[in-house]
Amino acid sequence: MAAVGSRPQNLTDAEHSAQLRRAVVASTVGTVIEAYDFLLYVLVAPLVFAKLYFPGSDPLIGTLQAFGIYAVGFVSRPVGAALFGHYGDRIGRKVTLIATLLMTGLSTFAVGFVPGYDAIGIWGALILTAVRFIQGMGIGGEWSGATLIAMEWAKTNKYRGFITSWPQWGGPAGLFLANILVLIFSAISGDQFLAWGWRVPFWLSIIMVGIGLWIRLGILETPVFQRILDQQEIARAPVLEVLRRHPKEIVLTALCRMAEQGPFYIYAAFIFTYGSTVLHSSRNFLLTALMIATGLSVITIPLSGYISDRIGRKRMYLIGTVTMGLFGFVYFTMLNTLIPEVIFFAIVISFIPHDMMYGPQAALIAECFSPRLRYSGSALGFHLSSVIAGGPAPIIATALFAATGSGYPVAIYIAVCAVVSAGSTLFLPDYTNRDISQEDSYVAGGAPQPARAEV
């Protein structure tokens, strides 16, 4: 059952299905690569950068300084969202996605060459900051393009949650890949990990960029954007127009990510600080547990996206926010047992509440914006949260821990994030199973039109 106008007239049903598969693969592989590039820093920062670029600092202060550079990549994300959102709505999803892949991949490759403090002093940290800023800009344009290239090839209105959950899976999958390579080169380099072992995973990113580029060059522009081109409805200044037409949706989609993005980086990054100082767990123990956690996301993210197609995006997302708000306390209680098996299990299941939101999140956010402004609007909403959630989260968690010596204030912070997300999500429109391929599917104020009949 195809949605009205959802199939390009020059493609058969079989050809459309083939393009949908290619689009999902291209978007998923691309987000795996982009996530690997970005999250590799998250893993290495608490393990290496505090010692390499801030050797004179107290260990906790050095970790905060390393996370400060880490946060720069989040501050630059909205800049990239505005830049690439403009071109994504002006010249197309495909071309913009290629540009974001190259920018992120090349900047990640460059991180592996930045000398430490012993070689060039403070310039090492400054160069790392600049490269991180560029990397964040590329990520700022990547997510929307990857989501839209998959979602806008969907053949019906019924499975957008499931289809867009696969590019979402690229985040944990990229972390999984980064974990594996850090583990491998930690074992290979041994005591030389600080000297050169940590650099190799950054250098290897150039190979994955080549693979991603080859895949993305083989896909066609989406039918939705091609229709906008054919009907000459391209927005002259899409970023300005979306800020004028959809300000509420931008703010609410940014706030609804508080419970998803902030806690994710606590579970993925702050655990190394907490694990080494309180739990006295080894680096490889923590990396292995995280690797299994990301492997579990192969099931939980697509499953959550699929369930959202059945029960509604908002309902599934709200279930995830409530679960996240409660889980923080369970998490630190399990860690504080100091029993290795319990610690391991706590880390393994820590991504499940996140995945309950992350699975339906791409469709929930992208569906809020009309087709000609969808790249800009979804990119701004998604990445403005980086400034208030993902970027500050490990810094806030580390500061709370340094001030109190306990993980429970961090659990309270996670619960506050969940309350903000739940409140914001309640005010978002829900376009589950509605036709979103046409401009007239949207009305002033972002309220959804009645669902269209399918033919």
Protein backbone atom coordinates (compact mmCIF):
# COMPACT_ATOMS: atom_id res chain seq x y z
CA MET A 1 0.00 0.00 0.00
CA ALA A 2 1.85 3.09 -1.18
CA ALA A 3 1.24 6.50 0.25
CA VAL A 4 -0.11 9.10 -2.13
CA GLY A 5 2.66 10.35 -4.36
CA SER A 6 5.34 8.40 -2.50
CA ARG A 7 6.73 6.53 -5.51
CA PRO A 8 8.75 8.22 -8.29
CA GLN A 9 6.85 7.73 -11.54
CA ASN A 10 9.88 6.46 -13.46
CA LEU A 11 10.57 3.61 -11.00
CA THR A 12 8.76 0.31 -10.77
CA ASP A 13 7.70 -1.09 -7.42
CA ALA A 14 10.68 -3.47 -7.47
CA GLU A 15 13.10 -0.63 -8.33
CA HIS A 16 11.66 1.50 -5.54
CA SER A 17 12.15 -1.36 -3.08
CA ALA A 18 15.75 -1.73 -4.24
CA GLN A 19 16.39 1.99 -3.75
CA LEU A 20 14.84 1.84 -0.28
CA ARG A 21 17.21 -0.98 0.69
CA ARG A 22 20.19 0.91 -0.71
CA ALA A 23 19.14 4.08 1.09
CA VAL A 24 18.79 2.27 4.43
CA VAL A 25 22.18 0.56 3.98
CA ALA A 26 23.86 3.80 2.86
CA SER A 27 22.44 5.81 5.75
CA THR A 28 23.20 3.11 8.32
CA VAL A 29 26.77 2.45 7.16
CA GLY A 30 27.39 6.18 7.00
CA THR A 31 26.13 6.80 10.53
CA VAL A 32 28.21 3.88 11.81
CA ILE A 33 31.28 5.57 10.37
CA GLU A 34 30.34 9.03 11.61
CA ALA A 35 29.53 7.68 15.09
CA TYR A 36 32.80 5.75 15.17
CA ASP A 37 34.67 8.93 14.30
CA PHE A 38 32.94 11.01 16.98
CA LEU A 39 32.65 8.43 19.77
CA LEU A 40 36.24 7.26 19.43
CA TYR A 41 37.19 10.54 21.09
CA VAL A 42 34.67 9.82 23.87
CA LEU A 43 36.47 6.55 24.65
CA VAL A 44 40.00 7.87 24.37
CA ALA A 45 39.48 11.20 26.20
CA PRO A 46 39.30 9.79 29.76
CA LEU A 47 41.86 7.07 28.99
CA VAL A 48 44.54 9.09 27.22
CA PHE A 49 43.98 12.79 26.60
CA ALA A 50 44.04 13.96 30.23
CA LYS A 51 47.54 12.46 30.58
CA LEU A 52 48.79 13.34 27.10
CA TYR A 53 47.60 16.95 26.73
CA PHE A 54 47.21 18.05 30.40
CA PRO A 55 50.01 16.16 32.20
CA GLY A 56 50.39 18.72 34.98
CA SER A 57 46.79 18.54 36.15
CA ASP A 58 45.19 16.53 38.93
CA PRO A 59 43.66 13.39 37.34
CA LEU A 60 40.05 14.54 37.83
CA ILE A 61 40.85 18.08 36.66
CA GLY A 62 42.68 16.66 33.65
CA THR A 63 39.64 14.56 32.81
CA LEU A 64 37.44 17.66 33.02
CA GLN A 65 39.82 19.51 30.68
CA ALA A 66 39.77 16.63 28.20
CA PHE A 67 35.98 16.55 28.35
CA GLY A 68 36.03 20.31 27.77
CA ILE A 69 37.64 19.73 24.37
CA TYR A 70 35.16 16.90 23.88
CA ALA A 71 32.30 19.38 24.48
CA VAL A 72 33.60 21.67 21.71
CA GLY A 73 32.47 19.04 19.22
CA PHE A 74 28.94 19.44 20.55
CA VAL A 75 28.99 23.23 20.50
CA SER A 76 29.89 23.15 16.79
CA ARG A 77 27.09 20.71 15.93
CA PRO A 78 24.35 23.38 15.66
CA VAL A 79 26.70 25.37 13.42
CA GLY A 80 27.01 22.35 11.13
CA ALA A 81 23.26 21.75 11.39
CA ALA A 82 22.53 25.28 10.12
CA LEU A 83 25.18 25.11 7.38
CA PHE A 84 24.36 21.67 6.02
CA GLY A 85 20.65 22.05 6.74
CA HIS A 86 20.65 24.99 4.33
CA TYR A 87 22.27 22.95 1.57
CA GLY A 88 20.29 19.80 2.37
CA ASP A 89 17.07 21.70 1.71
CA ARG A 90 18.55 23.60 -1.23
CA ILE A 91 20.61 21.15 -3.29
CA GLY A 92 19.56 17.78 -1.89
CA ARG A 93 20.06 15.12 0.73
CA LYS A 94 22.60 12.98 -1.16
CA VAL A 95 25.18 15.65 -2.01
CA THR A 96 25.07 17.10 1.48
CA LEU A 97 25.58 13.67 3.04
CA ILE A 98 28.73 13.13 1.00
CA ALA A 99 30.13 16.45 2.24
CA THR A 100 29.41 15.65 5.90
CA LEU A 101 31.08 12.24 5.58
CA LEU A 102 34.26 13.76 4.18
CA MET A 103 34.42 16.55 6.75
CA THR A 104 33.96 14.25 9.73
CA GLY A 105 36.18 11.46 8.43
CA LEU A 106 39.14 13.63 7.47
CA SER A 107 39.07 15.54 10.76
CA THR A 108 39.03 12.24 12.69
CA PHE A 109 42.00 11.02 10.66
CA ALA A 110 43.83 14.23 11.60
CA VAL A 111 43.32 13.64 15.37
CA GLY A 112 45.73 10.71 15.16
CA PHE A 113 48.56 13.08 14.17
CA VAL A 114 48.17 15.73 16.90
CA PRO A 115 51.37 15.82 19.03
CA GLY A 116 51.14 15.72 22.82
CA TYR A 117 52.09 18.33 25.41
CA ASP A 118 55.65 17.03 25.65
CA ALA A 119 56.23 17.80 21.97
CA ILE A 120 54.50 21.16 21.36
CA GLY A 121 53.11 22.21 24.73
CA ILE A 122 49.63 23.73 24.90
CA TRP A 123 49.45 23.86 21.08
CA GLY A 124 48.56 20.17 21.07
CA ALA A 125 45.36 20.84 23.03
CA LEU A 126 44.56 23.88 20.85
CA ILE A 127 44.97 21.91 17.62
CA LEU A 128 42.87 19.10 19.06
CA THR A 129 40.16 21.65 19.91
CA ALA A 130 40.13 23.03 16.35
CA VAL A 131 39.94 19.57 14.80
CA ARG A 132 37.18 18.60 17.22
CA PHE A 133 35.20 21.71 16.21
CA ILE A 134 35.41 20.76 12.53
CA GLN A 135 34.45 17.18 13.34
CA GLY A 136 31.38 18.39 15.23
CA MET A 137 30.28 20.52 12.28
CA GLY A 138 30.30 17.45 10.05
CA ILE A 139 28.26 15.48 12.57
CA GLY A 140 25.84 18.42 12.73
CA GLY A 141 24.87 17.86 9.11
CA GLU A 142 25.04 14.07 9.07
CA TRP A 143 22.12 12.93 11.19
CA SER A 144 19.31 14.66 9.31
CA GLY A 145 20.59 13.61 5.92
CA ALA A 146 20.97 9.98 6.97
CA THR A 147 17.48 9.97 8.49
CA LEU A 148 15.82 11.63 5.51
CA ILE A 149 17.57 9.57 2.83
CA ALA A 150 16.02 6.49 4.44
CA MET A 151 12.67 7.91 5.58
CA GLU A 152 11.84 9.68 2.32
CA TRP A 153 12.34 6.48 0.32
CA ALA A 154 9.73 4.67 2.47
CA LYS A 155 7.02 3.06 0.32
CA THR A 156 4.22 3.46 2.89
CA ASN A 157 3.39 5.60 5.89
CA LYS A 158 3.35 2.60 8.21
CA TYR A 159 6.99 1.71 8.84
CA ARG A 160 8.91 4.97 9.13
CA GLY A 161 9.78 4.30 12.78
CA PHE A 162 11.38 0.98 11.91
CA ILE A 163 13.11 2.27 8.76
CA THR A 164 14.69 5.26 10.48
CA SER A 165 15.71 3.20 13.49
CA TRP A 166 18.51 1.65 11.39
CA PRO A 167 20.44 4.90 10.87
CA GLN A 168 19.90 5.45 14.61
CA TRP A 169 21.52 2.08 15.27
CA GLY A 170 24.63 3.50 13.64
CA GLY A 171 25.40 5.39 16.88
CA PRO A 172 25.82 2.37 19.17
CA ALA A 173 27.30 0.37 16.27
CA GLY A 174 29.97 3.03 15.82
CA LEU A 175 30.72 2.87 19.54
CA PHE A 176 30.88 -0.93 19.27
CA LEU A 177 33.43 -0.66 16.46
CA ALA A 178 35.43 1.96 18.35
CA ASN A 179 35.42 -0.26 21.43
CA ILE A 180 36.75 -3.23 19.47
CA LEU A 181 39.60 -1.29 17.90
CA VAL A 182 40.59 0.40 21.16
CA LEU A 183 40.63 -3.02 22.83
CA ILE A 184 42.69 -4.55 20.02
CA PHE A 185 45.30 -1.81 19.93
CA SER A 186 45.35 -1.59 23.71
CA ALA A 187 46.35 -5.26 23.72
CA ILE A 188 48.83 -4.87 20.85
CA SER A 189 50.53 -1.72 22.13
CA GLY A 190 50.44 -2.61 25.84
CA ASP A 191 52.46 -0.04 27.79
CA GLN A 192 52.88 1.94 24.55
CA PHE A 193 49.14 2.68 24.28
CA LEU A 194 49.72 6.27 25.42
CA ALA A 195 52.60 6.66 22.98
CA TRP A 196 51.04 5.34 19.76
CA GLY A 197 48.38 2.67 20.36
CA TRP A 198 45.51 5.14 20.74
CA ARG A 199 46.37 6.84 17.43
CA VAL A 200 45.86 3.83 15.14
CA PRO A 201 42.04 3.66 15.45
CA PHE A 202 41.89 7.31 14.38
CA TRP A 203 44.07 6.61 11.35
CA LEU A 204 41.97 3.61 10.35
CA SER A 205 38.91 5.85 10.00
CA ILE A 206 40.17 6.90 6.55
CA ILE A 207 39.48 3.38 5.25
CA MET A 208 35.90 3.51 6.49
CA VAL A 209 35.41 6.94 4.92
CA GLY A 210 36.35 5.45 1.55
CA ILE A 211 33.82 2.64 2.02
CA GLY A 212 31.07 5.05 3.07
CA LEU A 213 31.78 7.37 0.16
CA TRP A 214 31.53 4.50 -2.34
CA ILE A 215 28.17 3.40 -0.90
CA ARG A 216 26.64 6.87 -0.79
CA LEU A 217 27.64 7.69 -4.36
CA GLY A 218 25.44 4.79 -5.48
CA ILE A 219 22.09 6.07 -4.17
CA LEU A 220 19.55 8.37 -5.83
CA GLU A 221 18.01 11.54 -4.46
CA THR A 222 14.86 10.93 -2.42
CA PRO A 223 11.45 11.08 -4.16
CA VAL A 224 10.25 13.72 -1.70
CA PHE A 225 13.09 16.13 -2.45
CA GLN A 226 12.96 15.37 -6.18
CA ARG A 227 9.29 16.40 -6.14
CA ILE A 228 10.23 19.67 -4.43
CA LEU A 229 12.77 20.28 -7.20
CA ASP A 230 10.29 19.41 -9.95
CA GLN A 231 7.63 21.69 -8.49
CA GLN A 232 10.20 24.48 -7.94
CA GLU A 233 9.35 24.79 -4.24
CA ILE A 234 12.92 25.11 -2.94
CA ALA A 235 13.15 27.44 0.05
CA ARG A 236 15.37 30.46 -0.55
CA ALA A 237 16.66 30.55 3.04
CA PRO A 238 15.46 27.33 4.68
CA VAL A 239 17.12 27.92 8.06
CA LEU A 240 15.50 31.33 8.50
CA GLU A 241 12.16 30.05 7.23
CA VAL A 242 12.11 27.03 9.55
CA LEU A 243 12.96 29.27 12.51
CA ARG A 244 9.99 31.42 11.57
CA ARG A 245 7.52 28.61 10.80
CA HIS A 246 8.53 25.89 13.27
CA PRO A 247 10.15 27.55 16.32
CA LYS A 248 8.13 25.48 18.79
CA GLU A 249 9.08 22.20 17.13
CA ILE A 250 12.78 23.12 17.11
CA VAL A 251 12.80 23.95 20.83
CA LEU A 252 10.71 20.94 21.84
CA THR A 253 12.73 18.43 19.78
CA ALA A 254 15.92 19.79 21.34
CA LEU A 255 14.54 19.46 24.86
CA CYS A 256 13.01 16.03 24.28
CA ARG A 257 16.53 14.66 23.73
CA MET A 258 17.71 15.57 27.25
CA ALA A 259 16.90 12.12 28.65
CA GLU A 260 18.39 10.31 25.67
CA GLN A 261 21.61 12.12 24.80
CA GLY A 262 22.87 13.31 28.18
CA PRO A 263 22.63 9.94 29.99
CA PHE A 264 24.05 8.11 26.96
CA TYR A 265 27.36 9.95 27.31
CA ILE A 266 27.34 9.36 31.04
CA TYR A 267 26.98 5.62 30.47
CA ALA A 268 29.47 5.63 27.58
CA ALA A 269 32.13 8.08 28.85
CA PHE A 270 31.75 8.94 32.54
CA ILE A 271 31.80 5.23 33.42
CA PHE A 272 35.56 5.23 32.77
CA THR A 273 36.09 7.94 35.38
CA TYR A 274 33.78 6.26 37.90
CA GLY A 275 35.10 2.82 37.04
CA SER A 276 38.74 3.71 37.58
CA THR A 277 38.31 5.79 40.76
CA VAL A 278 35.50 4.04 42.64
CA LEU A 279 35.11 0.59 41.14
CA HIS A 280 38.82 0.06 40.44
CA SER A 281 37.86 -1.80 37.25
CA SER A 282 40.35 -2.28 34.44
CA ARG A 283 40.13 -0.44 31.15
CA ASN A 284 39.53 -3.65 29.22
CA PHE A 285 36.81 -4.80 31.64
CA LEU A 286 34.85 -1.57 31.07
CA LEU A 287 35.43 -1.61 27.32
CA THR A 288 34.25 -5.21 27.03
CA ALA A 289 31.06 -4.50 28.98
CA LEU A 290 30.34 -1.46 26.81
CA MET A 291 30.99 -3.48 23.66
CA ILE A 292 28.35 -6.03 24.69
CA ALA A 293 25.95 -3.21 25.58
CA THR A 294 26.27 -1.75 22.09
CA GLY A 295 25.81 -5.21 20.60
CA LEU A 296 22.52 -5.51 22.47
CA SER A 297 21.39 -2.28 20.79
CA VAL A 298 21.25 -4.19 17.50
CA ILE A 299 18.00 -5.60 18.88
CA THR A 300 16.64 -2.88 21.14
CA ILE A 301 16.89 0.12 18.77
CA PRO A 302 15.10 -1.40 15.74
CA LEU A 303 12.60 -3.08 18.07
CA SER A 304 11.76 0.26 19.70
CA GLY A 305 11.35 1.87 16.28
CA TYR A 306 9.06 -0.96 15.19
CA ILE A 307 6.94 -0.73 18.34
CA SER A 308 6.55 3.03 17.76
CA ASP A 309 4.91 2.21 14.42
CA ARG A 310 2.36 0.15 16.34
CA ILE A 311 1.64 2.24 19.45
CA GLY A 312 2.76 5.74 18.35
CA ARG A 313 6.03 7.66 18.51
CA LYS A 314 5.18 9.79 21.53
CA ARG A 315 3.91 6.90 23.62
CA MET A 316 7.02 4.81 22.96
CA TYR A 317 9.28 7.80 23.60
CA LEU A 318 7.54 8.63 26.90
CA ILE A 319 7.93 5.04 28.09
CA GLY A 320 11.65 5.42 27.41
CA THR A 321 11.96 8.72 29.32
CA VAL A 322 10.27 7.31 32.42
CA THR A 323 12.48 4.21 32.29
CA MET A 324 15.58 6.36 31.97
CA GLY A 325 14.59 8.57 34.91
CA LEU A 326 14.31 5.55 37.20
CA PHE A 327 17.22 3.54 35.84
CA GLY A 328 19.94 5.99 36.92
CA PHE A 329 19.39 5.08 40.56
CA VAL A 330 19.33 1.36 39.78
CA TYR A 331 22.51 1.74 37.74
CA PHE A 332 24.62 3.34 40.50
CA THR A 333 23.20 0.99 43.11
CA MET A 334 24.39 -1.96 41.03
CA LEU A 335 27.80 -0.38 40.42
CA ASN A 336 28.28 0.36 44.10
CA THR A 337 27.97 -3.32 45.03
CA LEU A 338 31.58 -3.57 43.76
CA ILE A 339 30.76 -7.10 42.59
CA PRO A 340 32.36 -7.53 39.15
CA GLU A 341 29.47 -9.56 37.72
CA VAL A 342 26.89 -7.02 38.88
CA ILE A 343 28.98 -4.11 37.57
CA PHE A 344 29.34 -5.85 34.23
CA PHE A 345 25.59 -6.50 33.99
CA ALA A 346 24.75 -2.88 34.94
CA ILE A 347 26.91 -1.57 32.10
CA VAL A 348 25.52 -4.11 29.61
CA ILE A 349 21.90 -3.09 30.21
CA SER A 350 22.60 0.64 30.59
CA PHE A 351 21.80 1.45 26.94
CA ILE A 352 18.33 -0.16 26.95
CA PRO A 353 16.46 2.91 28.35
CA HIS A 354 18.38 5.05 25.86
CA ASP A 355 17.46 2.74 22.97
CA MET A 356 13.77 2.89 23.88
CA MET A 357 13.90 6.59 22.95
CA TYR A 358 16.58 6.47 20.27
CA GLY A 359 14.72 3.91 18.13
CA PRO A 360 11.64 6.08 17.43
CA GLN A 361 13.48 9.39 17.82
CA ALA A 362 14.53 9.94 14.21
CA ALA A 363 10.98 9.57 12.89
CA LEU A 364 9.51 11.55 15.81
CA ILE A 365 11.76 14.54 15.11
CA ALA A 366 11.91 14.48 11.30
CA GLU A 367 8.14 14.09 10.96
CA CYS A 368 7.64 17.40 12.80
CA PHE A 369 8.90 19.43 9.83
CA SER A 370 7.44 20.01 6.37
CA PRO A 371 9.37 18.49 3.41
CA ARG A 372 10.99 21.66 2.03
CA LEU A 373 12.34 22.59 5.49
CA ARG A 374 12.82 19.11 6.92
CA TYR A 375 16.63 18.90 6.71
CA SER A 376 17.15 22.27 8.40
CA GLY A 377 14.45 21.88 11.03
CA SER A 378 15.31 18.37 12.13
CA ALA A 379 19.05 19.12 12.13
CA LEU A 380 18.64 22.22 14.31
CA GLY A 381 16.30 20.53 16.76
CA PHE A 382 18.41 17.41 17.01
CA HIS A 383 21.74 19.16 17.45
CA LEU A 384 20.77 22.11 19.63
CA SER A 385 20.35 19.47 22.31
CA SER A 386 24.07 18.78 21.99
CA VAL A 387 24.77 22.12 23.66
CA ILE A 388 22.48 21.44 26.63
CA ALA A 389 22.62 17.64 26.90
CA GLY A 390 25.36 15.59 25.24
CA GLY A 391 28.18 18.10 25.53
CA PRO A 392 27.80 19.09 29.19
CA ALA A 393 26.72 15.65 30.49
CA PRO A 394 30.13 14.06 31.21
CA ILE A 395 31.43 17.38 32.54
CA ILE A 396 28.45 17.78 34.87
CA ALA A 397 28.69 14.14 35.96
CA THR A 398 32.43 14.43 36.65
CA ALA A 399 31.95 17.72 38.53
CA LEU A 400 29.12 16.26 40.66
CA PHE A 401 31.23 13.23 41.43
CA ALA A 402 34.29 15.36 42.29
CA ALA A 403 32.19 17.50 44.63
CA THR A 404 30.31 14.69 46.39
CA GLY A 405 32.30 11.50 45.85
CA SER A 406 29.03 9.72 45.03
CA GLY A 407 27.24 8.59 41.88
CA TYR A 408 23.75 9.30 43.21
CA PRO A 409 23.85 13.05 42.44
CA VAL A 410 24.55 11.96 38.86
CA ALA A 411 21.43 9.74 39.03
CA ILE A 412 19.44 12.79 40.17
CA TYR A 413 20.80 14.72 37.19
CA ILE A 414 19.65 11.89 34.89
CA ALA A 415 16.18 12.01 36.48
CA VAL A 416 15.96 15.78 35.91
CA CYS A 417 16.84 15.23 32.26
CA ALA A 418 14.04 12.67 32.04
CA VAL A 419 11.49 15.10 33.50
CA VAL A 420 12.48 17.77 30.94
CA SER A 421 12.22 15.27 28.08
CA ALA A 422 8.85 13.93 29.16
CA GLY A 423 7.37 17.41 29.48
CA SER A 424 8.69 18.45 26.06
CA THR A 425 7.55 15.28 24.30
CA LEU A 426 3.98 15.75 25.53
CA PHE A 427 3.75 18.99 23.50
CA LEU A 428 5.18 17.57 20.27
CA PRO A 429 2.86 16.67 17.37
CA ASP A 430 2.57 12.96 16.52
CA TYR A 431 2.61 12.07 12.83
CA THR A 432 2.77 8.29 13.28
CA ASN A 433 1.41 6.59 10.12
CA ARG A 434 0.36 9.91 8.56
CA ASP A 435 1.28 11.11 5.09
CA ILE A 436 4.18 13.58 5.43
CA SER A 437 5.30 13.66 1.79
CA GLN A 438 3.46 16.87 0.84
CA GLU A 439 3.59 20.43 2.14
CA ASP A 440 -0.17 20.47 2.66
CA SER A 441 0.20 17.67 5.21
CA TYR A 442 1.25 20.44 7.61
CA VAL A 443 -0.72 23.41 8.88
CA ALA A 444 0.26 26.52 10.77
CA GLY A 445 1.53 25.76 14.23
CA GLY A 446 2.75 22.28 13.36
CA ALA A 447 -0.54 20.45 14.04
CA PRO A 448 -0.92 17.31 11.97
CA GLN A 449 -3.55 17.15 9.28
CA PRO A 450 -5.96 14.20 9.32
CA ALA A 451 -4.37 11.06 7.92
CA ARG A 452 -4.68 10.64 4.18
CA ALA A 453 -6.08 7.57 2.59
CA GLU A 454 -3.56 5.25 0.98
CA VAL A 455 -3.92 3.81 -2.48
